[in-house]
Amino acid sequence: MIDAHIHLDQYAEKEQWHILHSDVEAFIAVSMDLASAKRNLQLATYYPCVKPAFGYHPEQAVLQDETSLFQFIYENASKMVAIGEVGLPYYSQIDRESHKRLLGKFMLLAKALDKPIILHAVYEDAIEVCDMLEEYEIRRAHFHWFKGDRKTTERMKNMGYYISVTPDVCYEKEIQQLVEHYPLSQMMIETDGPWRFDGPFQQQVTTPHMMNESIATIAQIKQLSIQKTAAILLANTKHFYRL
C-alpha cells in the first residue's frame, strides 16, 4: 500500500516511528506551511519511504510570507513529489479571494516544475478549482478526500483527475457512492492522518493499517478481489506520483 495523503509531521514522534516501520511502501507526506514542509523534508532524509509534498493548507490564515515558502520549494523541487496540500477554504471561509490568488500561484509553480498538485477542494469549491485547473492547463491533479455532486464528479473523471479515499469509505454512504461511480483507474487511498475517523475506527489513532479496510470496502463496491483492487490502487499511486 501507499498512503496517498498523510500529515506525517503532525504525529507525535513515537507515533511517527510506528507508522514509518509499518509495511506501507510509501507515504505522500503533505505540508501545512513552511515549517511543516521543512519537517517533512527532514523525515524524508532519514526515511526514503517518505515522499514529501510542499504547500500551504487553505483552512488557515492567509500566507503572509510567500517568498520564503516559494523559495524553499524551488530549492528543494528535486526532493519533492508534488505541490500540496493547497486549495480553497471551504470550512473556514477565510479570505477566499486571497487564498484563490495563492492557489493560482501554486498552480503556476506546479506547471513550471512539472509536479502534480494535491488539492483541498470539496463541494462547490471543486467547481471553481476545476475551472482554474483548465485555465492553467494542469492535468495531474489529485483531489484528496473529495466530496461533490455528480456533475462535478463527471467533469473530474473526464479530465483525468485522481481522487483518494479515506477510511470513512467503510461507513459513509456518500463516499461509497463516489467510489461506485468514479473509475478505479483514477483512484488512490489515504489516511489524512492524524485526522480521526468514526464508525469502526472511533477513538483510534489513525494509522495506515486502516487502509486495509478501505481496500476491502472498495473491492466490495467494485466487485473485484481484494488482491486485484489493492494492486490497482498501488499501481495508480505509483503512476500518478512517478514513484
C-alpha atoms as a PDB file:
ATOM      1  CA  MET A   1       0.000   0.000   0.000  1.00  0.00           C
ATOM      2  CA  ILE A   2       0.889   3.655  -0.418  1.00  0.00           C
ATOM      3  CA  ASP A   3      -0.734   6.295   1.762  1.00  0.00           C
ATOM      4  CA  ALA A   4      -1.527   8.965  -0.839  1.00  0.00           C
ATOM      5  CA  HIS A   5      -2.146  11.738   1.697  1.00  0.00           C
ATOM      6  CA  ILE A   6      -0.890  11.932   5.260  1.00  0.00           C
ATOM      7  CA  HIS A   7       0.190  14.778   7.553  1.00  0.00           C
ATOM      8  CA  LEU A   8       3.077  12.739   8.855  1.00  0.00           C
ATOM      9  CA  ASP A   9       4.807  15.651  10.537  1.00  0.00           C
ATOM     10  CA  GLN A  10       1.722  16.281  12.705  1.00  0.00           C
ATOM     11  CA  TYR A  11       2.083  12.972  14.576  1.00  0.00           C
ATOM     12  CA  ALA A  12       3.945  12.612  17.860  1.00  0.00           C
ATOM     13  CA  GLU A  13       7.449  11.218  17.418  1.00  0.00           C
ATOM     14  CA  LYS A  14       6.556   7.808  18.869  1.00  0.00           C
ATOM     15  CA  GLU A  15       3.538   7.508  16.557  1.00  0.00           C
ATOM     16  CA  GLN A  16       5.691   8.515  13.579  1.00  0.00           C
ATOM     17  CA  TRP A  17       8.131   5.725  14.406  1.00  0.00           C
ATOM     18  CA  HIS A  18       5.418   3.063  14.428  1.00  0.00           C
ATOM     19  CA  ILE A  19       3.894   4.356  11.188  1.00  0.00           C
ATOM     20  CA  LEU A  20       7.228   4.534   9.393  1.00  0.00           C
ATOM     21  CA  HIS A  21       8.096   0.995  10.463  1.00  0.00           C
ATOM     22  CA  SER A  22       4.825  -0.457   9.182  1.00  0.00           C
ATOM     23  CA  ASP A  23       4.571  -2.473   5.962  1.00  0.00           C
ATOM     24  CA  VAL A  24       3.389   0.530   3.919  1.00  0.00           C
ATOM     25  CA  GLU A  25       5.565   1.063   0.850  1.00  0.00           C
ATOM     26  CA  ALA A  26       5.464   4.870   0.799  1.00  0.00           C
ATOM     27  CA  PHE A  27       3.795   7.928   2.259  1.00  0.00           C
ATOM     28  CA  ILE A  28       2.877  11.083   0.355  1.00  0.00           C
ATOM     29  CA  ALA A  29       3.614  13.486   3.208  1.00  0.00           C
ATOM     30  CA  VAL A  30       1.755  16.744   2.583  1.00  0.00           C
ATOM     31  CA  SER A  31       2.666  20.015   4.260  1.00  0.00           C
ATOM     32  CA  MET A  32       0.637  22.665   6.060  1.00  0.00           C
ATOM     33  CA  ASP A  33       3.136  25.549   5.739  1.00  0.00           C
ATOM     34  CA  LEU A  34       6.864  26.245   5.531  1.00  0.00           C
ATOM     35  CA  ALA A  35       7.690  24.798   8.955  1.00  0.00           C
ATOM     36  CA  SER A  36       5.683  21.686   8.111  1.00  0.00           C
ATOM     37  CA  ALA A  37       7.472  21.372   4.757  1.00  0.00           C
ATOM     38  CA  LYS A  38      10.846  21.531   6.487  1.00  0.00           C
ATOM     39  CA  ARG A  39       9.833  18.788   8.927  1.00  0.00           C
ATOM     40  CA  ASN A  40       8.621  16.545   6.119  1.00  0.00           C
ATOM     41  CA  LEU A  41      11.838  17.100   4.195  1.00  0.00           C
ATOM     42  CA  GLN A  42      13.807  16.117   7.292  1.00  0.00           C
ATOM     43  CA  LEU A  43      11.734  12.944   7.679  1.00  0.00           C
ATOM     44  CA  ALA A  44      12.354  12.113   4.026  1.00  0.00           C
ATOM     45  CA  THR A  45      16.096  12.462   4.608  1.00  0.00           C
ATOM     46  CA  TYR A  46      16.004   9.678   7.187  1.00  0.00           C
ATOM     47  CA  TYR A  47      13.203   7.574   5.681  1.00  0.00           C
ATOM     48  CA  PRO A  48      13.230   7.037   1.891  1.00  0.00           C
ATOM     49  CA  CYS A  49       9.615   5.835   2.091  1.00  0.00           C
ATOM     50  CA  VAL A  50       8.552   9.418   2.902  1.00  0.00           C
ATOM     51  CA  LYS A  51       7.731  11.306  -0.288  1.00  0.00           C
ATOM     52  CA  PRO A  52       7.238  14.961   0.690  1.00  0.00           C
ATOM     53  CA  ALA A  53       4.895  17.481  -0.898  1.00  0.00           C
ATOM     54  CA  PHE A  54       5.216  21.176  -0.142  1.00  0.00           C
ATOM     55  CA  GLY A  55       2.390  23.699   0.044  1.00  0.00           C
ATOM     56  CA  TYR A  56       0.110  25.737   2.279  1.00  0.00           C
ATOM     57  CA  HIS A  57      -3.155  24.392   3.673  1.00  0.00           C
ATOM     58  CA  PRO A  58      -6.043  26.783   2.892  1.00  0.00           C
ATOM     59  CA  GLU A  59      -8.046  26.264   6.099  1.00  0.00           C
ATOM     60  CA  GLN A  60      -5.865  28.755   7.985  1.00  0.00           C
ATOM     61  CA  ALA A  61      -4.958  32.421   7.908  1.00  0.00           C
ATOM     62  CA  VAL A  62      -3.690  33.710   4.573  1.00  0.00           C
ATOM     63  CA  LEU A  63       0.023  33.150   3.972  1.00  0.00           C
ATOM     64  CA  GLN A  64       1.952  36.318   4.777  1.00  0.00           C
ATOM     65  CA  ASP A  65       5.446  35.353   3.645  1.00  0.00           C
ATOM     66  CA  GLU A  66       5.019  33.787   0.219  1.00  0.00           C
ATOM     67  CA  THR A  67       8.620  34.466  -0.770  1.00  0.00           C
ATOM     68  CA  SER A  68      10.193  32.163   1.837  1.00  0.00           C
ATOM     69  CA  LEU A  69       7.879  29.236   1.076  1.00  0.00           C
ATOM     70  CA  PHE A  70       8.217  29.528  -2.696  1.00  0.00           C
ATOM     71  CA  GLN A  71      11.999  29.875  -2.444  1.00  0.00           C
ATOM     72  CA  PHE A  72      12.118  26.734  -0.281  1.00  0.00           C
ATOM     73  CA  ILE A  73      10.028  24.851  -2.843  1.00  0.00           C
ATOM     74  CA  TYR A  74      12.266  25.937  -5.736  1.00  0.00           C
ATOM     75  CA  GLU A  75      15.406  24.985  -3.820  1.00  0.00           C
ATOM     76  CA  ASN A  76      14.035  21.543  -2.899  1.00  0.00           C
ATOM     77  CA  ALA A  77      11.988  20.757  -6.012  1.00  0.00           C
ATOM     78  CA  SER A  78      14.051  17.656  -6.808  1.00  0.00           C
ATOM     79  CA  LYS A  79      13.283  16.243  -3.357  1.00  0.00           C
ATOM     80  CA  MET A  80       9.506  16.620  -3.502  1.00  0.00           C
ATOM     81  CA  VAL A  81       6.891  14.638  -5.398  1.00  0.00           C
ATOM     82  CA  ALA A  82       4.144  17.276  -5.563  1.00  0.00           C
ATOM     83  CA  ILE A  83       2.800  20.688  -4.615  1.00  0.00           C
ATOM     84  CA  GLY A  84       0.428  20.208  -1.695  1.00  0.00           C
ATOM     85  CA  GLU A  85      -1.639  20.482   0.235  1.00  0.00           C
ATOM     86  CA  VAL A  86      -3.198  23.549  -1.387  1.00  0.00           C
ATOM     87  CA  GLY A  87      -6.722  24.638  -2.283  1.00  0.00           C
ATOM     88  CA  LEU A  88      -9.640  26.750  -1.113  1.00  0.00           C
ATOM     89  CA  PRO A  89     -11.014  27.274   2.425  1.00  0.00           C
ATOM     90  CA  TYR A  90     -14.408  25.545   2.316  1.00  0.00           C
ATOM     91  CA  TYR A  91     -14.839  25.004   6.062  1.00  0.00           C
ATOM     92  CA  SER A  92     -13.323  28.205   7.434  1.00  0.00           C
ATOM     93  CA  GLN A  93     -14.154  30.621   4.563  1.00  0.00           C
ATOM     94  CA  ILE A  94     -11.073  32.696   5.462  1.00  0.00           C
ATOM     95  CA  ASP A  95     -10.364  35.425   2.871  1.00  0.00           C
ATOM     96  CA  ARG A  96     -11.276  33.272  -0.105  1.00  0.00           C
ATOM     97  CA  GLU A  97     -10.008  35.698  -2.733  1.00  0.00           C
ATOM     98  CA  SER A  98      -6.534  35.799  -1.215  1.00  0.00           C
ATOM     99  CA  HIS A  99      -6.463  32.018  -0.994  1.00  0.00           C
ATOM    100  CA  LYS A 100      -7.627  31.783  -4.590  1.00  0.00           C
ATOM    101  CA  ARG A 101      -4.814  34.073  -5.746  1.00  0.00           C
ATOM    102  CA  LEU A 102      -2.333  31.941  -3.808  1.00  0.00           C
ATOM    103  CA  LEU A 103      -3.749  28.761  -5.345  1.00  0.00           C
ATOM    104  CA  GLY A 104      -3.211  30.251  -8.798  1.00  0.00           C
ATOM    105  CA  LYS A 105       0.440  30.830  -7.931  1.00  0.00           C
ATOM    106  CA  PHE A 106       0.773  27.244  -6.724  1.00  0.00           C
ATOM    107  CA  MET A 107      -0.726  26.005  -9.969  1.00  0.00           C
ATOM    108  CA  LEU A 108       1.764  28.016 -11.981  1.00  0.00           C
ATOM    109  CA  LEU A 109       4.538  26.617  -9.799  1.00  0.00           C
ATOM    110  CA  ALA A 110       3.338  23.038 -10.273  1.00  0.00           C
ATOM    111  CA  LYS A 111       3.291  23.566 -14.018  1.00  0.00           C
ATOM    112  CA  ALA A 112       6.744  25.166 -14.073  1.00  0.00           C
ATOM    113  CA  LEU A 113       8.260  22.342 -12.008  1.00  0.00           C
ATOM    114  CA  ASP A 114       6.290  19.588 -13.778  1.00  0.00           C
ATOM    115  CA  LYS A 115       4.854  18.319 -10.497  1.00  0.00           C
ATOM    116  CA  PRO A 116       1.328  17.132  -9.683  1.00  0.00           C
ATOM    117  CA  ILE A 117      -0.836  19.235  -7.392  1.00  0.00           C
ATOM    118  CA  ILE A 118      -2.650  17.930  -4.285  1.00  0.00           C
ATOM    119  CA  LEU A 119      -5.931  19.715  -3.717  1.00  0.00           C
ATOM    120  CA  HIS A 120      -8.190  20.528  -0.804  1.00  0.00           C
ATOM    121  CA  ALA A 121     -11.347  21.336  -2.773  1.00  0.00           C
ATOM    122  CA  VAL A 122     -14.771  19.929  -1.919  1.00  0.00           C
ATOM    123  CA  TYR A 123     -18.372  20.509  -2.970  1.00  0.00           C
ATOM    124  CA  GLU A 124     -18.810  23.837  -4.808  1.00  0.00           C
ATOM    125  CA  ASP A 125     -15.134  24.730  -4.283  1.00  0.00           C
ATOM    126  CA  ALA A 126     -14.252  21.843  -6.573  1.00  0.00           C
ATOM    127  CA  ILE A 127     -16.115  23.536  -9.423  1.00  0.00           C
ATOM    128  CA  GLU A 128     -14.020  26.677  -9.005  1.00  0.00           C
ATOM    129  CA  VAL A 129     -10.809  24.661  -8.750  1.00  0.00           C
ATOM    130  CA  CYS A 130     -11.668  22.674 -11.888  1.00  0.00           C
ATOM    131  CA  ASP A 131     -12.103  25.985 -13.722  1.00  0.00           C
ATOM    132  CA  MET A 132      -8.645  27.042 -12.529  1.00  0.00           C
ATOM    133  CA  LEU A 133      -7.027  23.743 -13.492  1.00  0.00           C
ATOM    134  CA  GLU A 134      -8.392  24.089 -17.006  1.00  0.00           C
ATOM    135  CA  GLU A 135      -7.316  27.737 -17.190  1.00  0.00           C
ATOM    136  CA  TYR A 136      -3.753  26.832 -16.161  1.00  0.00           C
ATOM    137  CA  GLU A 137      -3.808  23.668 -18.322  1.00  0.00           C
ATOM    138  CA  ILE A 138      -2.968  21.326 -15.448  1.00  0.00           C
ATOM    139  CA  ARG A 139      -3.904  17.663 -15.832  1.00  0.00           C
ATOM    140  CA  ARG A 140      -2.025  15.967 -12.976  1.00  0.00           C
ATOM    141  CA  ALA A 141      -4.437  16.915 -10.181  1.00  0.00           C
ATOM    142  CA  HIS A 142      -5.170  14.885  -7.057  1.00  0.00           C
ATOM    143  CA  PHE A 143      -8.354  15.785  -5.155  1.00  0.00           C
ATOM    144  CA  HIS A 144      -7.840  14.293  -1.731  1.00  0.00           C
ATOM    145  CA  TRP A 145     -10.874  13.190   0.333  1.00  0.00           C
ATOM    146  CA  PHE A 146     -13.116  14.554  -2.400  1.00  0.00           C
ATOM    147  CA  LYS A 147     -16.813  15.208  -1.869  1.00  0.00           C
ATOM    148  CA  GLY A 148     -19.070  16.766  -4.501  1.00  0.00           C
ATOM    149  CA  ASP A 149     -22.057  16.461  -6.802  1.00  0.00           C
ATOM    150  CA  ARG A 150     -22.375  14.054  -9.729  1.00  0.00           C
ATOM    151  CA  LYS A 151     -21.846  16.740 -12.388  1.00  0.00           C
ATOM    152  CA  THR A 152     -18.527  17.825 -10.857  1.00  0.00           C
ATOM    153  CA  THR A 153     -17.506  14.208 -10.398  1.00  0.00           C
ATOM    154  CA  GLU A 154     -18.153  13.520 -14.089  1.00  0.00           C
ATOM    155  CA  ARG A 155     -16.155  16.578 -15.061  1.00  0.00           C
ATOM    156  CA  MET A 156     -13.196  15.487 -12.921  1.00  0.00           C
ATOM    157  CA  LYS A 157     -13.384  11.956 -14.283  1.00  0.00           C
ATOM    158  CA  ASN A 158     -13.380  13.182 -17.891  1.00  0.00           C
ATOM    159  CA  MET A 159     -10.408  15.455 -17.243  1.00  0.00           C
ATOM    160  CA  GLY A 160      -8.406  12.540 -15.863  1.00  0.00           C
ATOM    161  CA  TYR A 161      -8.101  13.896 -12.329  1.00  0.00           C
ATOM    162  CA  TYR A 162      -7.420  11.474  -9.495  1.00  0.00           C
ATOM    163  CA  ILE A 163      -9.188  11.193  -6.151  1.00  0.00           C
ATOM    164  CA  SER A 164      -8.132   9.484  -2.935  1.00  0.00           C
ATOM    165  CA  VAL A 165     -10.406   7.761  -0.456  1.00  0.00           C
ATOM    166  CA  THR A 166     -10.066   7.801   3.327  1.00  0.00           C
ATOM    167  CA  PRO A 167     -11.190   5.111   5.815  1.00  0.00           C
ATOM    168  CA  ASP A 168     -14.591   6.810   6.013  1.00  0.00           C
ATOM    169  CA  VAL A 169     -15.465   4.838   2.865  1.00  0.00           C
ATOM    170  CA  CYS A 170     -16.134   1.977   5.301  1.00  0.00           C
ATOM    171  CA  TYR A 171     -19.134   3.754   6.857  1.00  0.00           C
ATOM    172  CA  GLU A 172     -20.068   6.887   4.848  1.00  0.00           C
ATOM    173  CA  LYS A 173     -22.659   6.262   2.129  1.00  0.00           C
ATOM    174  CA  GLU A 174     -21.690   9.472   0.296  1.00  0.00           C
ATOM    175  CA  ILE A 175     -18.128   8.217  -0.171  1.00  0.00           C
ATOM    176  CA  GLN A 176     -19.292   4.732  -1.094  1.00  0.00           C
ATOM    177  CA  GLN A 177     -21.442   6.221  -3.864  1.00  0.00           C
ATOM    178  CA  LEU A 178     -18.463   8.237  -5.083  1.00  0.00           C
ATOM    179  CA  VAL A 179     -16.361   5.074  -5.267  1.00  0.00           C
ATOM    180  CA  GLU A 180     -19.155   3.324  -7.149  1.00  0.00           C
ATOM    181  CA  HIS A 181     -19.195   5.947  -9.900  1.00  0.00           C
ATOM    182  CA  TYR A 182     -15.540   7.010 -10.112  1.00  0.00           C
ATOM    183  CA  PRO A 183     -13.116   4.916 -12.209  1.00  0.00           C
ATOM    184  CA  LEU A 184     -10.894   2.679 -10.124  1.00  0.00           C
ATOM    185  CA  SER A 185      -8.107   3.570 -12.564  1.00  0.00           C
ATOM    186  CA  GLN A 186      -8.175   7.154 -11.211  1.00  0.00           C
ATOM    187  CA  MET A 187      -8.379   6.304  -7.524  1.00  0.00           C
ATOM    188  CA  MET A 188      -5.932   6.104  -4.618  1.00  0.00           C
ATOM    189  CA  ILE A 189      -6.241   5.526  -0.870  1.00  0.00           C
ATOM    190  CA  GLU A 190      -5.158   7.745   2.003  1.00  0.00           C
ATOM    191  CA  THR A 191      -5.476   8.203   5.754  1.00  0.00           C
ATOM    192  CA  ASP A 192      -5.253  12.002   6.042  1.00  0.00           C
ATOM    193  CA  GLY A 193      -3.772  11.147   9.433  1.00  0.00           C
ATOM    194  CA  PRO A 194      -3.675  12.177  12.154  1.00  0.00           C
ATOM    195  CA  TRP A 195      -7.305  13.169  11.413  1.00  0.00           C
ATOM    196  CA  ARG A 196      -9.513  10.722  13.291  1.00  0.00           C
ATOM    197  CA  PHE A 197     -12.444   8.742  11.956  1.00  0.00           C
ATOM    198  CA  ASP A 198     -15.761   7.472  13.237  1.00  0.00           C
ATOM    199  CA  GLY A 199     -17.524   4.179  12.600  1.00  0.00           C
ATOM    200  CA  PRO A 200     -15.307   1.160  13.305  1.00  0.00           C
ATOM    201  CA  PHE A 201     -12.313   3.485  13.860  1.00  0.00           C
ATOM    202  CA  GLN A 202     -13.860   5.639  16.579  1.00  0.00           C
ATOM    203  CA  GLN A 203     -11.412   6.798  19.276  1.00  0.00           C
ATOM    204  CA  GLN A 204      -8.485   5.150  17.476  1.00  0.00           C
ATOM    205  CA  VAL A 205      -5.265   6.849  16.414  1.00  0.00           C
ATOM    206  CA  THR A 206      -5.320   6.970  12.617  1.00  0.00           C
ATOM    207  CA  THR A 207      -2.687   4.639  11.189  1.00  0.00           C
ATOM    208  CA  PRO A 208      -2.050   3.121   7.753  1.00  0.00           C
ATOM    209  CA  HIS A 209      -3.469  -0.278   8.740  1.00  0.00           C
ATOM    210  CA  MET A 210      -6.931   1.322   8.372  1.00  0.00           C
ATOM    211  CA  MET A 211      -6.337   1.393   4.621  1.00  0.00           C
ATOM    212  CA  ASN A 212      -6.730  -2.393   4.584  1.00  0.00           C
ATOM    213  CA  GLU A 213     -10.364  -1.847   5.500  1.00  0.00           C
ATOM    214  CA  SER A 214     -10.649   0.846   2.824  1.00  0.00           C
ATOM    215  CA  ILE A 215      -9.338  -1.558   0.198  1.00  0.00           C
ATOM    216  CA  ALA A 216     -11.764  -4.277   1.278  1.00  0.00           C
ATOM    217  CA  THR A 217     -14.708  -1.875   1.035  1.00  0.00           C
ATOM    218  CA  ILE A 218     -13.632  -0.545  -2.373  1.00  0.00           C
ATOM    219  CA  ALA A 219     -13.185  -4.119  -3.607  1.00  0.00           C
ATOM    220  CA  GLN A 220     -16.699  -4.991  -2.488  1.00  0.00           C
ATOM    221  CA  ILE A 221     -18.175  -1.924  -4.211  1.00  0.00           C
ATOM    222  CA  LYS A 222     -16.255  -2.574  -7.432  1.00  0.00           C
ATOM    223  CA  GLN A 223     -16.964  -6.325  -7.254  1.00  0.00           C
ATOM    224  CA  LEU A 224     -13.314  -7.245  -7.512  1.00  0.00           C
ATOM    225  CA  SER A 225     -10.990  -9.296  -5.342  1.00  0.00           C
ATOM    226  CA  ILE A 226      -9.162  -7.517  -2.539  1.00  0.00           C
ATOM    227  CA  GLN A 227      -5.834  -8.513  -4.092  1.00  0.00           C
ATOM    228  CA  LYS A 228      -6.671  -7.075  -7.510  1.00  0.00           C
ATOM    229  CA  THR A 229      -8.112  -3.900  -6.007  1.00  0.00           C
ATOM    230  CA  ALA A 230      -5.016  -3.384  -3.866  1.00  0.00           C
ATOM    231  CA  ALA A 231      -2.744  -3.930  -6.873  1.00  0.00           C
ATOM    232  CA  ILE A 232      -4.642  -1.392  -8.989  1.00  0.00           C
ATOM    233  CA  LEU A 233      -4.655   1.257  -6.242  1.00  0.00           C
ATOM    234  CA  LEU A 234      -0.934   0.767  -5.687  1.00  0.00           C
ATOM    235  CA  ALA A 235      -0.152   0.989  -9.417  1.00  0.00           C
ATOM    236  CA  ASN A 236      -2.303   4.120  -9.740  1.00  0.00           C
ATOM    237  CA  THR A 237      -0.389   5.912  -6.994  1.00  0.00           C
ATOM    238  CA  LYS A 238       2.994   4.944  -8.376  1.00  0.00           C
ATOM    239  CA  HIS A 239       1.971   6.117 -11.832  1.00  0.00           C
ATOM    240  CA  PHE A 240       0.494   9.412 -10.675  1.00  0.00           C
ATOM    241  CA  TYR A 241       3.446  10.345  -8.455  1.00  0.00           C
ATOM    242  CA  ARG A 242       6.091   8.794 -10.731  1.00  0.00           C
ATOM    243  CA  LEU A 243       7.439   6.630  -7.934  1.00  0.00           C
END
